[in-house]
Amino acid sequence: MAFWLAIITPLAYPPLLLGGLDSQSFLIFVGVVALNVFGLLAGRGYGDPA
């Protein structure tokens, strides 16, 4: 699931950046980036043979 989180979360970047980053949307952007980093780290072994 973390692998797919890492794949899906970057889709939220363009709408957030194009809408401008006020204080609330900046916090949402930072949260989305944190979720993306978590997904990248937790899902890095996806598809590796066990």
PDB file of N, CA and C in Angstrom:
ATOM      1  N   MET A   1       0.821  -1.188   0.000  1.00  0.00           N
ATOM      2  CA  MET A   1       0.000   0.000   0.000  1.00  0.00           C
ATOM      3  C   MET A   1       0.872   1.261   0.000  1.00  0.00           C
ATOM      4  N   ALA A   2       2.002   1.205   0.692  1.00  0.00           N
ATOM      5  CA  ALA A   2       2.892   2.365   0.744  1.00  0.00           C
ATOM      6  C   ALA A   2       3.451   2.685  -0.639  1.00  0.00           C
ATOM      7  N   PHE A   3       3.700   1.658  -1.430  1.00  0.00           N
ATOM      8  CA  PHE A   3       4.182   1.881  -2.801  1.00  0.00           C
ATOM      9  C   PHE A   3       3.184   2.719  -3.581  1.00  0.00           C
ATOM     10  N   TRP A   4       1.911   2.354  -3.500  1.00  0.00           N
ATOM     11  CA  TRP A   4       0.887   3.079  -4.247  1.00  0.00           C
ATOM     12  C   TRP A   4       0.667   4.469  -3.678  1.00  0.00           C
ATOM     13  N   LEU A   5       0.863   4.641  -2.386  1.00  0.00           N
ATOM     14  CA  LEU A   5       0.806   5.972  -1.789  1.00  0.00           C
ATOM     15  C   LEU A   5       1.885   6.862  -2.402  1.00  0.00           C
ATOM     16  N   ALA A   6       3.067   6.313  -2.585  1.00  0.00           N
ATOM     17  CA  ALA A   6       4.163   7.066  -3.194  1.00  0.00           C
ATOM     18  C   ALA A   6       3.876   7.400  -4.651  1.00  0.00           C
ATOM     19  N   ILE A   7       3.092   6.569  -5.326  1.00  0.00           N
ATOM     20  CA  ILE A   7       2.751   6.809  -6.726  1.00  0.00           C
ATOM     21  C   ILE A   7       1.652   7.865  -6.854  1.00  0.00           C
ATOM     22  N   ILE A   8       0.674   7.813  -5.959  1.00  0.00           N
ATOM     23  CA  ILE A   8      -0.514   8.663  -6.076  1.00  0.00           C
ATOM     24  C   ILE A   8      -0.311  10.077  -5.528  1.00  0.00           C
ATOM     25  N   THR A   9       0.422  10.241  -4.430  1.00  0.00           N
ATOM     26  CA  THR A   9       0.506  11.553  -3.787  1.00  0.00           C
ATOM     27  C   THR A   9       1.068  12.672  -4.667  1.00  0.00           C
ATOM     28  N   PRO A  10       2.014  12.420  -5.568  1.00  0.00           N
ATOM     29  CA  PRO A  10       2.483  13.530  -6.406  1.00  0.00           C
ATOM     30  C   PRO A  10       1.403  14.133  -7.312  1.00  0.00           C
ATOM     31  N   LEU A  11       0.306  13.425  -7.511  1.00  0.00           N
ATOM     32  CA  LEU A  11      -0.776  13.989  -8.324  1.00  0.00           C
ATOM     33  C   LEU A  11      -1.423  15.190  -7.645  1.00  0.00           C
ATOM     34  N   ALA A  12      -1.227  15.344  -6.352  1.00  0.00           N
ATOM     35  CA  ALA A  12      -1.792  16.483  -5.630  1.00  0.00           C
ATOM     36  C   ALA A  12      -0.907  17.724  -5.730  1.00  0.00           C
ATOM     37  N   TYR A  13       0.325  17.592  -6.172  1.00  0.00           N
ATOM     38  CA  TYR A  13       1.231  18.739  -6.246  1.00  0.00           C
ATOM     39  C   TYR A  13       0.755  19.841  -7.197  1.00  0.00           C
ATOM     40  N   PRO A  14       0.433  19.523  -8.457  1.00  0.00           N
ATOM     41  CA  PRO A  14       0.064  20.607  -9.384  1.00  0.00           C
ATOM     42  C   PRO A  14      -1.125  21.453  -8.927  1.00  0.00           C
ATOM     43  N   PRO A  15      -2.245  20.847  -8.473  1.00  0.00           N
ATOM     44  CA  PRO A  15      -3.347  21.715  -8.044  1.00  0.00           C
ATOM     45  C   PRO A  15      -2.976  22.611  -6.854  1.00  0.00           C
ATOM     46  N   LEU A  16      -2.192  22.076  -5.940  1.00  0.00           N
ATOM     47  CA  LEU A  16      -1.785  22.876  -4.795  1.00  0.00           C
ATOM     48  C   LEU A  16      -0.865  24.021  -5.212  1.00  0.00           C
ATOM     49  N   LEU A  17       0.069  23.731  -6.096  1.00  0.00           N
ATOM     50  CA  LEU A  17       1.014  24.760  -6.514  1.00  0.00           C
ATOM     51  C   LEU A  17       0.372  25.791  -7.441  1.00  0.00           C
ATOM     52  N   LEU A  18      -0.523  25.344  -8.313  1.00  0.00           N
ATOM     53  CA  LEU A  18      -1.178  26.281  -9.225  1.00  0.00           C
ATOM     54  C   LEU A  18      -2.174  27.180  -8.505  1.00  0.00           C
ATOM     55  N   GLY A  19      -2.725  26.704  -7.396  1.00  0.00           N
ATOM     56  CA  GLY A  19      -3.671  27.496  -6.623  1.00  0.00           C
ATOM     57  C   GLY A  19      -3.014  28.517  -5.722  1.00  0.00           C
ATOM     58  N   GLY A  20      -1.709  28.469  -5.637  1.00  0.00           N
ATOM     59  CA  GLY A  20      -0.994  29.375  -4.751  1.00  0.00           C
ATOM     60  C   GLY A  20      -0.894  28.766  -3.360  1.00  0.00           C
ATOM     61  N   LEU A  21       0.162  29.115  -2.654  1.00  0.00           N
ATOM     62  CA  LEU A  21       0.393  28.527  -1.348  1.00  0.00           C
ATOM     63  C   LEU A  21       0.195  29.583  -0.257  1.00  0.00           C
ATOM     64  N   ASP A  22      -1.014  29.688   0.247  1.00  0.00           N
ATOM     65  CA  ASP A  22      -1.226  30.500   1.432  1.00  0.00           C
ATOM     66  C   ASP A  22      -0.883  29.644   2.645  1.00  0.00           C
ATOM     67  N   SER A  23      -1.099  30.123   3.838  1.00  0.00           N
ATOM     68  CA  SER A  23      -0.646  29.387   5.027  1.00  0.00           C
ATOM     69  C   SER A  23      -1.326  28.022   5.164  1.00  0.00           C
ATOM     70  N   GLN A  24      -2.613  27.930   4.872  1.00  0.00           N
ATOM     71  CA  GLN A  24      -3.316  26.655   5.011  1.00  0.00           C
ATOM     72  C   GLN A  24      -2.913  25.672   3.921  1.00  0.00           C
ATOM     73  N   SER A  25      -2.865  26.116   2.680  1.00  0.00           N
ATOM     74  CA  SER A  25      -2.498  25.206   1.603  1.00  0.00           C
ATOM     75  C   SER A  25      -1.020  24.823   1.676  1.00  0.00           C
ATOM     76  N   PHE A  26      -0.190  25.687   2.266  1.00  0.00           N
ATOM     77  CA  PHE A  26       1.213  25.329   2.462  1.00  0.00           C
ATOM     78  C   PHE A  26       1.328  24.160   3.432  1.00  0.00           C
ATOM     79  N   LEU A  27       0.539  24.170   4.499  1.00  0.00           N
ATOM     80  CA  LEU A  27       0.552  23.062   5.453  1.00  0.00           C
ATOM     81  C   LEU A  27       0.052  21.779   4.799  1.00  0.00           C
ATOM     82  N   ILE A  28      -0.958  21.887   3.951  1.00  0.00           N
ATOM     83  CA  ILE A  28      -1.449  20.715   3.216  1.00  0.00           C
ATOM     84  C   ILE A  28      -0.368  20.201   2.276  1.00  0.00           C
ATOM     85  N   PHE A  29       0.318  21.116   1.592  1.00  0.00           N
ATOM     86  CA  PHE A  29       1.401  20.730   0.684  1.00  0.00           C
ATOM     87  C   PHE A  29       2.513  20.006   1.435  1.00  0.00           C
ATOM     88  N   VAL A  30       2.900  20.531   2.585  1.00  0.00           N
ATOM     89  CA  VAL A  30       3.943  19.889   3.394  1.00  0.00           C
ATOM     90  C   VAL A  30       3.476  18.503   3.844  1.00  0.00           C
ATOM     91  N   GLY A  31       2.203  18.371   4.203  1.00  0.00           N
ATOM     92  CA  GLY A  31       1.666  17.071   4.581  1.00  0.00           C
ATOM     93  C   GLY A  31       1.683  16.078   3.435  1.00  0.00           C
ATOM     94  N   VAL A  32       1.353  16.540   2.241  1.00  0.00           N
ATOM     95  CA  VAL A  32       1.370  15.664   1.064  1.00  0.00           C
ATOM     96  C   VAL A  32       2.798  15.239   0.743  1.00  0.00           C
ATOM     97  N   VAL A  33       3.743  16.157   0.860  1.00  0.00           N
ATOM     98  CA  VAL A  33       5.150  15.809   0.628  1.00  0.00           C
ATOM     99  C   VAL A  33       5.613  14.791   1.670  1.00  0.00           C
ATOM    100  N   ALA A  34       5.207  14.980   2.933  1.00  0.00           N
ATOM    101  CA  ALA A  34       5.576  14.033   3.987  1.00  0.00           C
ATOM    102  C   ALA A  34       4.984  12.650   3.701  1.00  0.00           C
ATOM    103  N   LEU A  35       3.727  12.606   3.252  1.00  0.00           N
ATOM    104  CA  LEU A  35       3.120  11.323   2.883  1.00  0.00           C
ATOM    105  C   LEU A  35       3.869  10.675   1.726  1.00  0.00           C
ATOM    106  N   ASN A  36       4.290  11.490   0.778  1.00  0.00           N
ATOM    107  CA  ASN A  36       5.033  10.963  -0.360  1.00  0.00           C
ATOM    108  C   ASN A  36       6.367  10.375   0.085  1.00  0.00           C
ATOM    109  N   VAL A  37       7.081  11.075   0.945  1.00  0.00           N
ATOM    110  CA  VAL A  37       8.360  10.571   1.449  1.00  0.00           C
ATOM    111  C   VAL A  37       8.143   9.293   2.247  1.00  0.00           C
ATOM    112  N   PHE A  38       7.109   9.262   3.087  1.00  0.00           N
ATOM    113  CA  PHE A  38       6.796   8.046   3.842  1.00  0.00           C
ATOM    114  C   PHE A  38       6.521   6.883   2.893  1.00  0.00           C
ATOM    115  N   GLY A  39       5.719   7.130   1.877  1.00  0.00           N
ATOM    116  CA  GLY A  39       5.404   6.086   0.911  1.00  0.00           C
ATOM    117  C   GLY A  39       6.634   5.596   0.170  1.00  0.00           C
ATOM    118  N   LEU A  40       7.531   6.513  -0.176  1.00  0.00           N
ATOM    119  CA  LEU A  40       8.760   6.122  -0.865  1.00  0.00           C
ATOM    120  C   LEU A  40       9.636   5.244   0.021  1.00  0.00           C
ATOM    121  N   LEU A  41       9.758   5.616   1.276  1.00  0.00           N
ATOM    122  CA  LEU A  41      10.611   4.847   2.186  1.00  0.00           C
ATOM    123  C   LEU A  41       9.982   3.519   2.576  1.00  0.00           C
ATOM    124  N   ALA A  42       8.696   3.525   2.875  1.00  0.00           N
ATOM    125  CA  ALA A  42       8.031   2.301   3.324  1.00  0.00           C
ATOM    126  C   ALA A  42       7.775   1.329   2.177  1.00  0.00           C
ATOM    127  N   GLY A  43       7.605   1.834   0.971  1.00  0.00           N
ATOM    128  CA  GLY A  43       7.275   0.974  -0.158  1.00  0.00           C
ATOM    129  C   GLY A  43       8.426   0.648  -1.074  1.00  0.00           C
ATOM    130  N   ARG A  44       9.635   0.937  -0.653  1.00  0.00           N
ATOM    131  CA  ARG A  44      10.788   0.763  -1.565  1.00  0.00           C
ATOM    132  C   ARG A  44      11.078  -0.692  -1.890  1.00  0.00           C
ATOM    133  N   GLY A  45      10.603  -1.637  -1.100  1.00  0.00           N
ATOM    134  CA  GLY A  45      10.868  -3.038  -1.373  1.00  0.00           C
ATOM    135  C   GLY A  45       9.768  -3.730  -2.163  1.00  0.00           C
ATOM    136  N   TYR A  46       8.789  -2.977  -2.641  1.00  0.00           N
ATOM    137  CA  TYR A  46       7.664  -3.553  -3.368  1.00  0.00           C
ATOM    138  C   TYR A  46       8.161  -4.260  -4.621  1.00  0.00           C
ATOM    139  N   GLY A  47       7.737  -5.483  -4.793  1.00  0.00           N
ATOM    140  CA  GLY A  47       8.087  -6.243  -5.990  1.00  0.00           C
ATOM    141  C   GLY A  47       9.405  -6.984  -5.892  1.00  0.00           C
ATOM    142  N   ASP A  48      10.167  -6.769  -4.822  1.00  0.00           N
ATOM    143  CA  ASP A  48      11.415  -7.521  -4.645  1.00  0.00           C
ATOM    144  C   ASP A  48      11.084  -8.950  -4.238  1.00  0.00           C
ATOM    145  N   PRO A  49      11.809  -9.902  -4.774  1.00  0.00           N
ATOM    146  CA  PRO A  49      11.577 -11.287  -4.343  1.00  0.00           C
ATOM    147  C   PRO A  49      11.943 -11.439  -2.866  1.00  0.00           C
ATOM    148  N   ALA A  50      11.116 -12.136  -2.146  1.00  0.00           N
ATOM    149  CA  ALA A  50      11.334 -12.282  -0.702  1.00  0.00           C
ATOM    150  C   ALA A  50      12.388 -13.289  -0.364  1.00  0.00           C
TER     151      ALA A  50
END
